Amino acid sequence: MTKISNDIANKVEYILQKWPLTRDNDMVLVAQFWALESKLNEKNTAFEVFELIKDGKLTNFESIRRVRAKLQESYPELRGLKYQERHKRQSSVVSNLNALGNHK
């Protein structure tokens, strides 16, 4: 991982350890990440948050999500309750996608 990714990874790992709900919900994870990153709190308006996003002052949602996925792949203790459920469905989803691709 790059320096920036290491910074993101350290923050994401901290959040996953401290707030287990974030292990299964990327929206909650990103909200918590942004709150810590920007010192946002309940007094900030949605408009203020949107301005930070627009101005590129908050870490990209997809970067946070990808780091979370990589950490959970490498460190089972950071996985949420839904991790196994999602991975059990993976082969079925792949089979369905392959079947759709063969119908051309």
N, C-alpha and C. Protein backbone atom coordinates (compact mmCIF):
# COMPACT_ATOMS: atom_id res chain seq x y z
N MET A 1 0.84 -1.18 0.00
CA MET A 1 0.00 0.00 0.00
C MET A 1 0.88 1.25 0.00
N THR A 2 0.37 2.29 -0.60
CA THR A 2 1.09 3.55 -0.62
C THR A 2 0.97 4.25 0.72
N LYS A 3 1.68 5.35 0.89
CA LYS A 3 1.62 6.13 2.13
C LYS A 3 0.19 6.54 2.45
N ILE A 4 -0.50 7.08 1.44
CA ILE A 4 -1.89 7.49 1.66
C ILE A 4 -2.74 6.29 2.04
N SER A 5 -2.56 5.18 1.35
CA SER A 5 -3.33 3.99 1.67
C SER A 5 -3.03 3.51 3.09
N ASN A 6 -1.76 3.61 3.51
CA ASN A 6 -1.42 3.22 4.87
C ASN A 6 -2.12 4.12 5.88
N ASP A 7 -2.19 5.41 5.61
CA ASP A 7 -2.91 6.33 6.49
C ASP A 7 -4.39 5.95 6.54
N ILE A 8 -4.96 5.69 5.38
CA ILE A 8 -6.37 5.29 5.31
C ILE A 8 -6.55 3.96 6.04
N ALA A 9 -5.66 3.00 5.78
CA ALA A 9 -5.76 1.68 6.41
C ALA A 9 -5.70 1.78 7.93
N ASN A 10 -4.81 2.61 8.44
CA ASN A 10 -4.71 2.76 9.90
C ASN A 10 -6.00 3.31 10.48
N LYS A 11 -6.58 4.29 9.82
CA LYS A 11 -7.83 4.89 10.30
C LYS A 11 -8.98 3.89 10.20
N VAL A 12 -9.07 3.19 9.06
CA VAL A 12 -10.15 2.22 8.88
C VAL A 12 -10.02 1.10 9.90
N GLU A 13 -8.82 0.60 10.12
CA GLU A 13 -8.62 -0.46 11.11
C GLU A 13 -9.05 -0.01 12.50
N TYR A 14 -8.68 1.20 12.87
CA TYR A 14 -9.09 1.76 14.16
C TYR A 14 -10.61 1.79 14.29
N ILE A 15 -11.27 2.27 13.25
CA ILE A 15 -12.73 2.38 13.26
C ILE A 15 -13.37 0.99 13.35
N LEU A 16 -12.88 0.04 12.56
CA LEU A 16 -13.44 -1.32 12.57
C LEU A 16 -13.30 -1.96 13.95
N GLN A 17 -12.19 -1.68 14.63
CA GLN A 17 -11.98 -2.23 15.96
C GLN A 17 -12.87 -1.55 17.00
N LYS A 18 -12.98 -0.23 16.90
CA LYS A 18 -13.71 0.53 17.92
C LYS A 18 -15.23 0.45 17.76
N TRP A 19 -15.72 0.43 16.52
CA TRP A 19 -17.16 0.43 16.25
C TRP A 19 -17.53 -0.77 15.37
N PRO A 20 -17.84 -1.93 15.97
CA PRO A 20 -18.13 -3.14 15.20
C PRO A 20 -19.24 -2.99 14.15
N LEU A 21 -20.19 -2.09 14.35
CA LEU A 21 -21.25 -1.89 13.37
C LEU A 21 -20.68 -1.50 12.01
N THR A 22 -19.53 -0.84 12.01
CA THR A 22 -18.91 -0.39 10.75
C THR A 22 -18.38 -1.56 9.93
N ARG A 23 -18.26 -2.73 10.52
CA ARG A 23 -17.74 -3.90 9.81
C ARG A 23 -18.71 -4.40 8.74
N ASP A 24 -19.99 -4.13 8.93
CA ASP A 24 -21.01 -4.61 8.00
C ASP A 24 -21.70 -3.51 7.22
N ASN A 25 -21.33 -2.27 7.45
CA ASN A 25 -22.06 -1.18 6.82
C ASN A 25 -21.09 -0.09 6.36
N ASP A 26 -20.84 -0.06 5.05
CA ASP A 26 -19.88 0.91 4.51
C ASP A 26 -20.33 2.35 4.70
N MET A 27 -21.62 2.59 4.69
CA MET A 27 -22.10 3.96 4.89
C MET A 27 -21.76 4.44 6.30
N VAL A 28 -21.94 3.58 7.29
CA VAL A 28 -21.60 3.94 8.67
C VAL A 28 -20.08 4.09 8.80
N LEU A 29 -19.34 3.19 8.17
CA LEU A 29 -17.88 3.27 8.19
C LEU A 29 -17.40 4.60 7.61
N VAL A 30 -17.90 4.96 6.45
CA VAL A 30 -17.46 6.21 5.80
C VAL A 30 -17.88 7.42 6.62
N ALA A 31 -19.09 7.40 7.16
CA ALA A 31 -19.54 8.52 7.98
C ALA A 31 -18.63 8.69 9.20
N GLN A 32 -18.27 7.58 9.83
CA GLN A 32 -17.38 7.65 10.99
C GLN A 32 -15.99 8.12 10.57
N PHE A 33 -15.50 7.61 9.44
CA PHE A 33 -14.18 8.01 8.93
C PHE A 33 -14.16 9.51 8.69
N TRP A 34 -15.16 10.01 7.97
CA TRP A 34 -15.23 11.43 7.65
C TRP A 34 -15.37 12.27 8.92
N ALA A 35 -16.15 11.79 9.88
CA ALA A 35 -16.32 12.54 11.13
C ALA A 35 -14.97 12.69 11.84
N LEU A 36 -14.19 11.62 11.89
CA LEU A 36 -12.88 11.70 12.53
C LEU A 36 -11.90 12.54 11.71
N GLU A 37 -11.97 12.38 10.41
CA GLU A 37 -11.04 13.07 9.52
C GLU A 37 -11.24 14.58 9.52
N SER A 38 -12.48 15.01 9.63
CA SER A 38 -12.79 16.43 9.46
C SER A 38 -13.26 17.10 10.74
N LYS A 39 -13.34 16.35 11.81
CA LYS A 39 -13.86 16.87 13.08
C LYS A 39 -15.33 17.26 12.97
N LEU A 40 -16.05 16.61 12.04
CA LEU A 40 -17.49 16.86 11.91
C LEU A 40 -18.19 16.34 13.15
N ASN A 41 -19.30 16.96 13.49
CA ASN A 41 -20.13 16.48 14.58
C ASN A 41 -21.59 16.77 14.27
N GLU A 42 -22.46 16.49 15.21
CA GLU A 42 -23.90 16.64 14.98
C GLU A 42 -24.32 18.09 14.74
N LYS A 43 -23.45 19.04 15.01
CA LYS A 43 -23.79 20.45 14.80
C LYS A 43 -23.57 20.90 13.36
N ASN A 44 -22.83 20.09 12.59
CA ASN A 44 -22.60 20.44 11.19
C ASN A 44 -23.85 20.16 10.37
N THR A 45 -24.09 21.01 9.39
CA THR A 45 -25.23 20.80 8.51
C THR A 45 -24.82 19.87 7.37
N ALA A 46 -25.81 19.29 6.74
CA ALA A 46 -25.54 18.45 5.56
C ALA A 46 -24.85 19.27 4.49
N PHE A 47 -25.23 20.53 4.35
CA PHE A 47 -24.61 21.40 3.36
C PHE A 47 -23.11 21.52 3.60
N GLU A 48 -22.71 21.63 4.86
CA GLU A 48 -21.28 21.73 5.18
C GLU A 48 -20.55 20.45 4.79
N VAL A 49 -21.18 19.32 5.02
CA VAL A 49 -20.59 18.04 4.63
C VAL A 49 -20.48 17.96 3.11
N PHE A 50 -21.53 18.34 2.41
CA PHE A 50 -21.51 18.31 0.94
C PHE A 50 -20.42 19.20 0.39
N GLU A 51 -20.21 20.34 1.00
CA GLU A 51 -19.14 21.25 0.56
C GLU A 51 -17.77 20.59 0.71
N LEU A 52 -17.55 19.90 1.81
CA LEU A 52 -16.28 19.20 2.02
C LEU A 52 -16.07 18.12 0.96
N ILE A 53 -17.14 17.39 0.65
CA ILE A 53 -17.06 16.35 -0.38
C ILE A 53 -16.75 16.99 -1.73
N LYS A 54 -17.51 18.03 -2.07
CA LYS A 54 -17.34 18.72 -3.35
C LYS A 54 -15.93 19.27 -3.50
N ASP A 55 -15.38 19.81 -2.44
CA ASP A 55 -14.06 20.43 -2.48
C ASP A 55 -12.92 19.40 -2.38
N GLY A 56 -13.27 18.11 -2.29
CA GLY A 56 -12.26 17.06 -2.22
C GLY A 56 -11.50 17.04 -0.91
N LYS A 57 -12.12 17.51 0.15
CA LYS A 57 -11.45 17.58 1.45
C LYS A 57 -11.68 16.34 2.32
N LEU A 58 -12.49 15.42 1.80
CA LEU A 58 -12.73 14.17 2.51
C LEU A 58 -12.21 13.02 1.66
N THR A 59 -11.72 11.99 2.32
CA THR A 59 -11.20 10.82 1.62
C THR A 59 -12.30 10.19 0.78
N ASN A 60 -11.93 9.74 -0.40
CA ASN A 60 -12.86 9.13 -1.34
C ASN A 60 -13.55 7.91 -0.72
N PHE A 61 -14.87 7.85 -0.87
CA PHE A 61 -15.68 6.75 -0.35
C PHE A 61 -15.13 5.41 -0.81
N GLU A 62 -14.85 5.30 -2.09
CA GLU A 62 -14.40 4.02 -2.66
C GLU A 62 -13.05 3.60 -2.09
N SER A 63 -12.17 4.53 -1.81
CA SER A 63 -10.88 4.20 -1.20
C SER A 63 -11.08 3.60 0.19
N ILE A 64 -11.98 4.17 0.95
CA ILE A 64 -12.28 3.67 2.30
C ILE A 64 -12.86 2.27 2.19
N ARG A 65 -13.80 2.07 1.27
CA ARG A 65 -14.46 0.78 1.10
C ARG A 65 -13.46 -0.30 0.68
N ARG A 66 -12.58 0.04 -0.25
CA ARG A 66 -11.58 -0.94 -0.72
C ARG A 66 -10.60 -1.33 0.38
N VAL A 67 -10.19 -0.36 1.17
CA VAL A 67 -9.28 -0.66 2.28
C VAL A 67 -9.99 -1.55 3.29
N ARG A 68 -11.25 -1.27 3.59
CA ARG A 68 -12.03 -2.11 4.51
C ARG A 68 -12.06 -3.54 4.00
N ALA A 69 -12.34 -3.74 2.72
CA ALA A 69 -12.43 -5.08 2.15
C ALA A 69 -11.08 -5.81 2.26
N LYS A 70 -10.00 -5.11 1.96
CA LYS A 70 -8.67 -5.71 2.03
C LYS A 70 -8.30 -6.07 3.47
N LEU A 71 -8.60 -5.19 4.40
CA LEU A 71 -8.32 -5.49 5.81
C LEU A 71 -9.12 -6.70 6.27
N GLN A 72 -10.39 -6.77 5.90
CA GLN A 72 -11.22 -7.89 6.34
C GLN A 72 -10.79 -9.20 5.68
N GLU A 73 -10.24 -9.10 4.47
CA GLU A 73 -9.72 -10.29 3.81
C GLU A 73 -8.50 -10.82 4.57
N SER A 74 -7.66 -9.92 5.02
CA SER A 74 -6.40 -10.29 5.68
C SER A 74 -6.55 -10.56 7.18
N TYR A 75 -7.51 -9.91 7.82
CA TYR A 75 -7.66 -10.00 9.27
C TYR A 75 -9.10 -10.42 9.62
N PRO A 76 -9.34 -11.71 9.80
CA PRO A 76 -10.69 -12.21 10.08
C PRO A 76 -11.37 -11.56 11.29
N GLU A 77 -10.58 -11.13 12.25
CA GLU A 77 -11.17 -10.51 13.45
C GLU A 77 -11.83 -9.17 13.15
N LEU A 78 -11.56 -8.60 11.98
CA LEU A 78 -12.18 -7.33 11.59
C LEU A 78 -13.43 -7.54 10.74
N ARG A 79 -13.79 -8.79 10.49
CA ARG A 79 -14.96 -9.09 9.67
C ARG A 79 -16.23 -8.93 10.50
N GLY A 80 -17.27 -8.52 9.80
CA GLY A 80 -18.56 -8.37 10.45
C GLY A 80 -19.36 -9.65 10.41
N LEU A 81 -20.56 -9.59 10.92
CA LEU A 81 -21.44 -10.75 10.94
C LEU A 81 -21.90 -11.15 9.54
N LYS A 82 -21.97 -10.20 8.64
CA LYS A 82 -22.46 -10.48 7.29
C LYS A 82 -21.38 -10.97 6.34
N TYR A 83 -20.13 -10.96 6.75
CA TYR A 83 -19.02 -11.34 5.88
C TYR A 83 -19.20 -12.76 5.33
N GLN A 84 -19.41 -13.72 6.23
CA GLN A 84 -19.57 -15.11 5.80
C GLN A 84 -20.81 -15.27 4.92
N GLU A 85 -21.88 -14.58 5.29
CA GLU A 85 -23.11 -14.64 4.51
C GLU A 85 -22.88 -14.18 3.07
N ARG A 86 -22.17 -13.07 2.91
CA ARG A 86 -21.86 -12.55 1.56
C ARG A 86 -21.01 -13.52 0.78
N HIS A 87 -20.02 -14.11 1.42
CA HIS A 87 -19.10 -15.00 0.72
C HIS A 87 -19.74 -16.35 0.41
N LYS A 88 -20.72 -16.78 1.17
CA LYS A 88 -21.45 -18.00 0.84
C LYS A 88 -22.25 -17.81 -0.45
N ARG A 89 -22.75 -16.62 -0.66
CA ARG A 89 -23.54 -16.32 -1.86
C ARG A 89 -22.68 -16.05 -3.09
N GLN A 90 -21.40 -15.85 -2.90
CA GLN A 90 -20.50 -15.44 -3.98
C GLN A 90 -20.50 -16.43 -5.14
N SER A 91 -20.38 -17.72 -4.88
CA SER A 91 -20.31 -18.70 -5.97
C SER A 91 -21.63 -18.74 -6.74
N SER A 92 -22.73 -18.58 -6.04
CA SER A 92 -24.03 -18.55 -6.70
C SER A 92 -24.16 -17.33 -7.62
N VAL A 93 -23.71 -16.19 -7.14
CA VAL A 93 -23.76 -14.96 -7.94
C VAL A 93 -22.87 -15.10 -9.17
N VAL A 94 -21.68 -15.64 -9.01
CA VAL A 94 -20.76 -15.83 -10.14
C VAL A 94 -21.39 -16.76 -11.16
N SER A 95 -21.99 -17.85 -10.70
CA SER A 95 -22.65 -18.80 -11.61
C SER A 95 -23.77 -18.13 -12.38
N ASN A 96 -24.57 -17.33 -11.68
CA ASN A 96 -25.67 -16.62 -12.35
C ASN A 96 -25.15 -15.63 -13.38
N LEU A 97 -24.09 -14.93 -13.06
CA LEU A 97 -23.52 -13.98 -14.01
C LEU A 97 -22.95 -14.69 -15.23
N ASN A 98 -22.29 -15.83 -15.00
CA ASN A 98 -21.76 -16.60 -16.12
C ASN A 98 -22.90 -17.11 -17.01
N ALA A 99 -23.98 -17.54 -16.39
CA ALA A 99 -25.13 -18.03 -17.14
C ALA A 99 -25.74 -16.89 -17.99
N LEU A 100 -25.81 -15.71 -17.41
CA LEU A 100 -26.32 -14.55 -18.16
C LEU A 100 -25.42 -14.23 -19.34
N GLY A 101 -24.11 -14.34 -19.13
CA GLY A 101 -23.15 -14.05 -20.20
C GLY A 101 -23.21 -15.04 -21.34
N ASN A 102 -23.63 -16.26 -21.05
CA ASN A 102 -23.72 -17.32 -22.06
C ASN A 102 -25.01 -17.23 -22.89
N HIS A 103 -25.92 -16.36 -22.51
CA HIS A 103 -27.19 -16.22 -23.23
C HIS A 103 -27.12 -15.22 -24.37
N LYS A 104 -25.96 -14.76 -24.73
CA LYS A 104 -25.83 -13.76 -25.80
C LYS A 104 -26.16 -14.34 -27.14
